[in-house]
Amino acid sequence: MLSLFSSQESYGQGQLPEFDVDVVSTSAQTCAFNVGPRFLALVITAGGKRIWSSADCVAGPGSLLTDLARGVPTVVPLSWDRESSAPGCRVTSRQVTAGSFAAAASAGGLASNSLTFTLS
C-alpha cells in the first residue's frame, strides 16, 4: 500500500515541494519491495497533464530493495525541483510557473492517494 503525505499545501517562491511516500505491506509475511527511483515514482500533474516524474532522469541502477513487515511503514522522502521533465530526459527541463498541481506516487501496479498543492 502506498500513501503520500506533505506537510504543506502551498510553497512560496524558491521552496521545493517535499513529500513522504509511506510504503506498507499488508502481507502476512515479510516481503521485499523496490523503493529505488526507477521503481517508486512521484508524478506531478497540472490540469490532468503530466509535468514531471522522479523516475524520468534516473542515473545509475535506480534500484533499492527493502524488506517490508506487515503494517510497518518504510518512509521514502521525495522532492520536486519545480522543473518539467519527460521519460528518458528526452525534453529539456524548464522551470514551472506558479499554479495549482497534483502529486501522486506509484510503484508497479500500486498508486497512492493524490495531493493538491500550489506554487507561488
N, C-alpha and C. Protein backbone atom coordinates (compact mmCIF):
# COMPACT_ATOMS: atom_id res chain seq x y z
N MET A 1 0.84 -1.17 0.00
CA MET A 1 0.00 0.00 0.00
C MET A 1 0.89 1.25 0.00
N LEU A 2 0.56 2.22 -0.84
CA LEU A 2 1.31 3.47 -0.91
C LEU A 2 0.44 4.61 -0.40
N SER A 3 1.01 5.47 0.43
CA SER A 3 0.31 6.68 0.90
C SER A 3 1.26 7.85 0.74
N LEU A 4 0.72 8.97 0.27
CA LEU A 4 1.52 10.17 0.04
C LEU A 4 1.13 11.24 1.05
N PHE A 5 2.16 11.88 1.64
CA PHE A 5 1.94 12.93 2.63
C PHE A 5 2.81 14.14 2.32
N SER A 6 2.35 15.30 2.73
CA SER A 6 3.14 16.52 2.64
C SER A 6 2.77 17.39 3.83
N SER A 7 3.75 18.12 4.34
CA SER A 7 3.47 18.98 5.49
C SER A 7 2.93 20.34 5.07
N GLN A 8 2.91 20.62 3.76
CA GLN A 8 2.45 21.92 3.27
C GLN A 8 1.48 21.75 2.11
N GLU A 9 0.58 22.73 1.96
CA GLU A 9 -0.34 22.76 0.83
C GLU A 9 0.05 23.83 -0.18
N SER A 10 0.98 24.71 0.22
CA SER A 10 1.45 25.73 -0.72
C SER A 10 2.93 26.00 -0.46
N TYR A 11 3.61 26.39 -1.54
CA TYR A 11 5.06 26.61 -1.49
C TYR A 11 5.36 27.96 -2.12
N GLY A 12 6.10 28.78 -1.40
CA GLY A 12 6.49 30.09 -1.89
C GLY A 12 7.61 29.99 -2.91
N GLN A 13 7.92 31.12 -3.50
CA GLN A 13 8.98 31.16 -4.49
C GLN A 13 10.29 30.64 -3.89
N GLY A 14 10.94 29.73 -4.58
CA GLY A 14 12.20 29.18 -4.11
C GLY A 14 12.07 27.97 -3.20
N GLN A 15 10.85 27.68 -2.70
CA GLN A 15 10.64 26.50 -1.86
C GLN A 15 10.38 25.28 -2.73
N LEU A 16 11.06 24.17 -2.40
CA LEU A 16 10.84 22.94 -3.15
C LEU A 16 9.75 22.12 -2.48
N PRO A 17 8.75 21.68 -3.24
CA PRO A 17 7.72 20.81 -2.68
C PRO A 17 8.34 19.48 -2.22
N GLU A 18 8.05 19.10 -0.98
CA GLU A 18 8.60 17.88 -0.40
C GLU A 18 7.47 16.97 0.04
N PHE A 19 7.66 15.67 -0.21
CA PHE A 19 6.64 14.68 0.08
C PHE A 19 7.27 13.47 0.76
N ASP A 20 6.46 12.73 1.50
CA ASP A 20 6.85 11.44 2.05
C ASP A 20 5.92 10.39 1.47
N VAL A 21 6.51 9.33 0.94
CA VAL A 21 5.74 8.18 0.47
C VAL A 21 5.89 7.10 1.53
N ASP A 22 4.78 6.67 2.10
CA ASP A 22 4.79 5.57 3.05
C ASP A 22 4.44 4.29 2.29
N VAL A 23 5.34 3.32 2.38
CA VAL A 23 5.12 2.02 1.75
C VAL A 23 4.85 1.03 2.87
N VAL A 24 3.69 0.40 2.84
CA VAL A 24 3.28 -0.52 3.90
C VAL A 24 2.82 -1.84 3.28
N SER A 25 3.32 -2.94 3.83
CA SER A 25 2.90 -4.26 3.38
C SER A 25 1.64 -4.67 4.12
N THR A 26 0.73 -5.30 3.39
CA THR A 26 -0.46 -5.88 4.01
C THR A 26 -0.35 -7.41 4.01
N SER A 27 0.77 -7.92 3.54
CA SER A 27 1.01 -9.36 3.51
C SER A 27 1.32 -9.88 4.91
N ALA A 28 0.94 -11.10 5.17
CA ALA A 28 1.19 -11.70 6.49
C ALA A 28 2.68 -11.95 6.72
N GLN A 29 3.43 -12.12 5.64
CA GLN A 29 4.86 -12.40 5.77
C GLN A 29 5.68 -11.21 5.28
N THR A 30 6.91 -11.10 5.79
CA THR A 30 7.83 -10.06 5.33
C THR A 30 8.08 -10.25 3.84
N CYS A 31 8.11 -9.15 3.10
CA CYS A 31 8.34 -9.24 1.66
C CYS A 31 9.33 -8.16 1.24
N ALA A 32 9.95 -8.37 0.09
CA ALA A 32 10.89 -7.39 -0.47
C ALA A 32 10.12 -6.45 -1.39
N PHE A 33 10.49 -5.17 -1.36
CA PHE A 33 9.84 -4.16 -2.20
C PHE A 33 10.91 -3.21 -2.69
N ASN A 34 10.85 -2.84 -3.96
CA ASN A 34 11.85 -1.95 -4.53
C ASN A 34 11.39 -0.50 -4.40
N VAL A 35 12.10 0.28 -3.58
CA VAL A 35 11.78 1.70 -3.39
C VAL A 35 12.77 2.58 -4.15
N GLY A 36 13.56 1.99 -5.03
CA GLY A 36 14.53 2.75 -5.84
C GLY A 36 13.80 3.68 -6.79
N PRO A 37 14.50 4.73 -7.27
CA PRO A 37 13.87 5.75 -8.10
C PRO A 37 13.37 5.27 -9.46
N ARG A 38 13.84 4.13 -9.95
CA ARG A 38 13.30 3.59 -11.20
C ARG A 38 12.00 2.82 -10.97
N PHE A 39 11.68 2.52 -9.71
CA PHE A 39 10.52 1.69 -9.39
C PHE A 39 9.43 2.44 -8.64
N LEU A 40 9.81 3.33 -7.75
CA LEU A 40 8.86 4.14 -6.98
C LEU A 40 8.95 5.57 -7.49
N ALA A 41 7.87 6.05 -8.09
CA ALA A 41 7.91 7.37 -8.74
C ALA A 41 6.91 8.33 -8.11
N LEU A 42 7.33 9.57 -7.99
CA LEU A 42 6.45 10.68 -7.64
C LEU A 42 6.13 11.38 -8.96
N VAL A 43 4.84 11.56 -9.26
CA VAL A 43 4.43 12.19 -10.51
C VAL A 43 3.65 13.46 -10.19
N ILE A 44 4.04 14.56 -10.84
CA ILE A 44 3.37 15.85 -10.68
C ILE A 44 2.56 16.13 -11.94
N THR A 45 1.30 16.53 -11.75
CA THR A 45 0.44 16.88 -12.88
C THR A 45 -0.18 18.25 -12.65
N ALA A 46 -0.62 18.88 -13.74
CA ALA A 46 -1.35 20.14 -13.67
C ALA A 46 -2.45 20.08 -14.73
N GLY A 47 -3.68 20.26 -14.32
CA GLY A 47 -4.80 20.19 -15.26
C GLY A 47 -4.87 18.86 -15.98
N GLY A 48 -4.49 17.79 -15.31
CA GLY A 48 -4.52 16.47 -15.92
C GLY A 48 -3.33 16.16 -16.82
N LYS A 49 -2.43 17.12 -17.01
CA LYS A 49 -1.26 16.94 -17.86
C LYS A 49 -0.03 16.60 -17.01
N ARG A 50 0.69 15.58 -17.39
CA ARG A 50 1.90 15.16 -16.67
C ARG A 50 2.99 16.22 -16.86
N ILE A 51 3.52 16.71 -15.73
CA ILE A 51 4.54 17.76 -15.76
C ILE A 51 5.93 17.19 -15.47
N TRP A 52 5.99 16.28 -14.48
CA TRP A 52 7.29 15.79 -14.00
C TRP A 52 7.12 14.44 -13.33
N SER A 53 8.18 13.61 -13.41
CA SER A 53 8.22 12.36 -12.66
C SER A 53 9.63 12.17 -12.11
N SER A 54 9.71 11.69 -10.89
CA SER A 54 11.02 11.43 -10.28
C SER A 54 11.74 10.29 -10.99
N ALA A 55 11.03 9.50 -11.78
CA ALA A 55 11.63 8.36 -12.49
C ALA A 55 12.16 8.73 -13.88
N ASP A 56 11.96 9.97 -14.32
CA ASP A 56 12.33 10.34 -15.69
C ASP A 56 13.83 10.33 -15.97
N CYS A 57 14.61 10.88 -15.08
CA CYS A 57 16.02 11.11 -15.36
C CYS A 57 16.94 10.42 -14.35
N VAL A 58 16.64 9.18 -14.01
CA VAL A 58 17.42 8.45 -13.01
C VAL A 58 18.75 8.01 -13.60
N ALA A 59 19.83 8.31 -12.89
CA ALA A 59 21.16 7.85 -13.29
C ALA A 59 21.50 6.61 -12.47
N GLY A 60 22.26 5.71 -13.03
CA GLY A 60 22.66 4.50 -12.30
C GLY A 60 21.57 3.46 -12.30
N PRO A 61 21.72 2.43 -11.47
CA PRO A 61 20.77 1.32 -11.49
C PRO A 61 19.36 1.68 -11.01
N GLY A 62 19.22 2.63 -10.08
CA GLY A 62 17.91 3.07 -9.62
C GLY A 62 17.12 2.04 -8.85
N SER A 63 17.81 1.07 -8.27
CA SER A 63 17.15 0.00 -7.53
C SER A 63 17.55 0.06 -6.06
N LEU A 64 16.58 -0.14 -5.17
CA LEU A 64 16.85 -0.18 -3.74
C LEU A 64 15.80 -1.08 -3.09
N LEU A 65 16.19 -2.32 -2.84
CA LEU A 65 15.26 -3.27 -2.21
C LEU A 65 15.21 -3.05 -0.71
N THR A 66 14.01 -3.12 -0.17
CA THR A 66 13.84 -3.04 1.27
C THR A 66 12.88 -4.15 1.70
N ASP A 67 13.05 -4.62 2.91
CA ASP A 67 12.14 -5.64 3.45
C ASP A 67 11.00 -4.94 4.18
N LEU A 68 9.79 -5.34 3.85
CA LEU A 68 8.61 -4.76 4.48
C LEU A 68 7.96 -5.79 5.39
N ALA A 69 7.75 -5.40 6.65
CA ALA A 69 7.00 -6.23 7.59
C ALA A 69 5.57 -5.71 7.61
N ARG A 70 4.63 -6.57 7.77
CA ARG A 70 3.21 -6.19 7.76
C ARG A 70 2.93 -5.02 8.71
N GLY A 71 2.33 -3.96 8.16
CA GLY A 71 1.90 -2.82 8.95
C GLY A 71 2.98 -1.84 9.37
N VAL A 72 4.25 -2.11 9.03
CA VAL A 72 5.35 -1.22 9.42
C VAL A 72 5.77 -0.39 8.20
N PRO A 73 5.52 0.92 8.21
CA PRO A 73 5.83 1.72 7.03
C PRO A 73 7.32 1.96 6.82
N THR A 74 7.70 1.93 5.55
CA THR A 74 9.01 2.43 5.12
C THR A 74 8.71 3.79 4.51
N VAL A 75 9.36 4.84 5.00
CA VAL A 75 9.09 6.19 4.53
C VAL A 75 10.18 6.61 3.55
N VAL A 76 9.75 7.02 2.35
CA VAL A 76 10.67 7.45 1.31
C VAL A 76 10.42 8.94 1.04
N PRO A 77 11.39 9.82 1.41
CA PRO A 77 11.21 11.25 1.14
C PRO A 77 11.55 11.56 -0.32
N LEU A 78 10.70 12.36 -0.96
CA LEU A 78 10.92 12.77 -2.34
C LEU A 78 10.62 14.26 -2.46
N SER A 79 11.35 14.96 -3.31
CA SER A 79 11.07 16.37 -3.53
C SER A 79 11.07 16.66 -5.03
N TRP A 80 10.46 17.77 -5.40
CA TRP A 80 10.35 18.19 -6.79
C TRP A 80 11.13 19.48 -6.96
N ASP A 81 11.96 19.56 -7.99
CA ASP A 81 12.80 20.73 -8.23
C ASP A 81 12.08 21.86 -8.97
N ARG A 82 10.77 21.76 -9.13
CA ARG A 82 9.92 22.77 -9.78
C ARG A 82 10.24 22.92 -11.27
N GLU A 83 10.78 21.86 -11.86
CA GLU A 83 11.05 21.86 -13.30
C GLU A 83 10.27 20.75 -13.96
N SER A 84 10.04 20.88 -15.26
CA SER A 84 9.35 19.84 -16.01
C SER A 84 10.34 18.75 -16.41
N SER A 85 9.81 17.59 -16.78
CA SER A 85 10.67 16.50 -17.26
C SER A 85 9.86 15.62 -18.20
N ALA A 86 10.56 14.70 -18.86
CA ALA A 86 9.91 13.74 -19.75
C ALA A 86 10.62 12.41 -19.60
N PRO A 87 9.92 11.31 -19.86
CA PRO A 87 10.55 9.99 -19.74
C PRO A 87 11.86 9.91 -20.53
N GLY A 88 12.89 9.41 -19.88
CA GLY A 88 14.19 9.28 -20.52
C GLY A 88 14.93 10.59 -20.72
N CYS A 89 14.44 11.67 -20.12
CA CYS A 89 15.07 13.01 -20.24
C CYS A 89 15.15 13.47 -21.69
N ARG A 90 14.15 13.12 -22.50
CA ARG A 90 14.17 13.48 -23.93
C ARG A 90 13.95 14.97 -24.15
N VAL A 91 13.29 15.62 -23.25
CA VAL A 91 12.97 17.04 -23.41
C VAL A 91 13.76 17.85 -22.38
N THR A 92 14.27 18.98 -22.80
CA THR A 92 15.00 19.86 -21.87
C THR A 92 14.04 20.35 -20.80
N SER A 93 14.46 20.24 -19.54
CA SER A 93 13.59 20.68 -18.45
C SER A 93 13.52 22.20 -18.43
N ARG A 94 12.42 22.69 -17.91
CA ARG A 94 12.25 24.14 -17.75
C ARG A 94 11.53 24.41 -16.45
N GLN A 95 11.76 25.58 -15.92
CA GLN A 95 11.12 25.99 -14.67
C GLN A 95 9.61 26.07 -14.88
N VAL A 96 8.85 25.58 -13.91
CA VAL A 96 7.40 25.59 -13.98
C VAL A 96 6.88 26.86 -13.33
N THR A 97 5.86 27.47 -13.93
CA THR A 97 5.29 28.70 -13.38
C THR A 97 4.35 28.39 -12.22
N ALA A 98 3.98 29.43 -11.51
CA ALA A 98 3.09 29.29 -10.35
C ALA A 98 1.75 28.71 -10.78
N GLY A 99 1.08 28.04 -9.85
CA GLY A 99 -0.22 27.48 -10.15
C GLY A 99 -0.58 26.36 -9.21
N SER A 100 -1.62 25.62 -9.60
CA SER A 100 -2.10 24.50 -8.81
C SER A 100 -1.65 23.20 -9.44
N PHE A 101 -1.21 22.25 -8.60
CA PHE A 101 -0.65 20.99 -9.07
C PHE A 101 -1.19 19.84 -8.23
N ALA A 102 -1.03 18.64 -8.75
CA ALA A 102 -1.38 17.42 -8.01
C ALA A 102 -0.15 16.52 -8.00
N ALA A 103 0.01 15.78 -6.92
CA ALA A 103 1.12 14.84 -6.78
C ALA A 103 0.54 13.48 -6.40
N ALA A 104 1.15 12.42 -6.94
CA ALA A 104 0.78 11.06 -6.58
C ALA A 104 2.01 10.18 -6.77
N ALA A 105 2.08 9.13 -5.99
CA ALA A 105 3.19 8.18 -6.10
C ALA A 105 2.67 6.88 -6.71
N SER A 106 3.57 6.19 -7.43
CA SER A 106 3.21 4.90 -7.99
C SER A 106 4.41 3.98 -7.99
N ALA A 107 4.13 2.68 -7.93
CA ALA A 107 5.16 1.65 -7.99
C ALA A 107 4.51 0.40 -8.54
N GLY A 108 4.93 0.01 -9.73
CA GLY A 108 4.29 -1.14 -10.36
C GLY A 108 2.81 -0.88 -10.54
N GLY A 109 1.98 -1.76 -10.05
CA GLY A 109 0.53 -1.59 -10.16
C GLY A 109 -0.09 -0.83 -9.01
N LEU A 110 0.74 -0.35 -8.07
CA LEU A 110 0.22 0.37 -6.90
C LEU A 110 0.21 1.87 -7.15
N ALA A 111 -0.77 2.55 -6.59
CA ALA A 111 -0.84 4.01 -6.69
C ALA A 111 -1.27 4.58 -5.34
N SER A 112 -0.72 5.74 -5.02
CA SER A 112 -1.07 6.40 -3.75
C SER A 112 -2.28 7.29 -3.95
N ASN A 113 -2.69 7.91 -2.87
CA ASN A 113 -3.66 8.99 -2.91
C ASN A 113 -3.02 10.17 -3.66
N SER A 114 -3.85 11.09 -4.10
CA SER A 114 -3.37 12.29 -4.78
C SER A 114 -3.45 13.48 -3.82
N LEU A 115 -2.42 14.33 -3.85
CA LEU A 115 -2.42 15.55 -3.04
C LEU A 115 -2.40 16.75 -3.97
N THR A 116 -3.19 17.78 -3.62
CA THR A 116 -3.18 19.01 -4.38
C THR A 116 -2.40 20.07 -3.62
N PHE A 117 -1.61 20.86 -4.37
CA PHE A 117 -0.81 21.92 -3.75
C PHE A 117 -0.62 23.05 -4.74
N THR A 118 -0.18 24.19 -4.23
CA THR A 118 0.05 25.35 -5.10
C THR A 118 1.49 25.85 -4.97
N LEU A 119 1.95 26.41 -6.07
CA LEU A 119 3.25 27.09 -6.11
C LEU A 119 2.98 28.56 -6.34
N SER A 120 3.69 29.42 -5.63
CA SER A 120 3.54 30.86 -5.88
C SER A 120 4.86 31.41 -6.37
